Amino acid sequence: MVKRLFNHRRKGTLFLRDALGQVKGLRFLKNYSSQNESSAHKAESAPQRVDAQKEAHERLQEVIATFEERTACMEPDFVELGQSLRSLYEAATGLAKKVNDRLAAFVKTKPDRFAAFGALATCNPAASANELERIVTRHGFKGAMIHGLTSGQFLDDKKFWPIFERAEKLDVPIYLHPSLPHPAVMDAYYKDYLKDFPMVIRAAWGFTVETATLAIRLVLSGAFDAHPRLKIVLGHLGETLPFLLWRIDQALSRPGGKTLSFREVFCEHFYITTSGNFSNPALLCCVMEMGIDRILFAVDYPFVANAPAVQWIDTIPLCDEDKIKLLSGNAKRLFRL
């Protein structure tokens, strides 16, 4: 339930990053923030959302490319452009703070019922680390939720590690929620079927591949060696990774690469939730690979209705003790509820 509370603000959070693609400055960021709030309940088709997010991402890449080109040439307007980018990053940081403060106010209306993950403007890792500490210590948030790529980069890049360092210090998890794949990946893998099957780049497959790839990269990056108490949460029963644990671990252990026990790192640092994946065979696979103590019940509303999740509970083939862990005990322990 922690996850669902935060996802009510998910669209605005996604555009903390994507709105940075507006070349003309802060106007788009400000306009989108107000439009997003006023249209929060209006229907929007999946292809329209995809097109808007892809366009915003492409604008950001143009800004970055222009910035790098002018930096190399030391053109006269280099300083002005650099200041513009800094202003955009500062705006994203400020918007994240407003989102978190608003969410905190909502949680306070029923603190015995709600808890929250925070939003972070990951384009500014140092500021994100400070914001994480602020929302945990001041508002009692249970961690942060990060959606997908940041300016086309995965979070395993060391420039993002200050966020992980602070999360470890605060003893709170980071929830890695899916977002759209990189535009180049969408073009290469999915564009032929996007018109007829718009969800192929989202929950049907694209979300899974992108988030599982990020999780694998985090393990390979050494982030957990640097931060041995870091905790990561994945939804949707681990984005297929529990099913693939044996194969990934065995393949990475073959001669020619660094020594690494992928299974050991994954099972020690990752938690998974049932959100949007209410399958008994899939759940039992996760229990056998990771153990019941690493699995948390969660719904996936509004993307999947709540009724199937509730009905599924009665069919879960676990003993009462393990069901209690799944449905509440593990979440109470992880989030200190």
Foldseek 3Di string as FASTA:
>chain_A
DQVVLACLCVVLLLVLQLQLLDQVACPSVVVCVVVCVVCVPPDDDLVRVVVSSLVSLVSLLVLVVVLVVCVVVVDVCNVVSVVRSVRSLVVSLVVQLVSLVVSLVVCVVPVVVYAYAGRASQVQQVSRLVVQVCCCVPRVHQYHEDEFDHSLHFCLPVVNLSNQVSCLVSLHAYEYFYDFHRPVCCVVPPPVCCVVPVCCRPPVPVRLVRSLVSVVSNQVSCSCVVRVSYAYEYEQLRSCCLVCQVVVQVVQCDPDHDDDRPLVSCLRHYAYENEPPLDQVSVVSSCVSRNLLRYEYDYHPPVDDCVVSVVSLVVRPDDPVSSCSHYPVSCCVSRVD
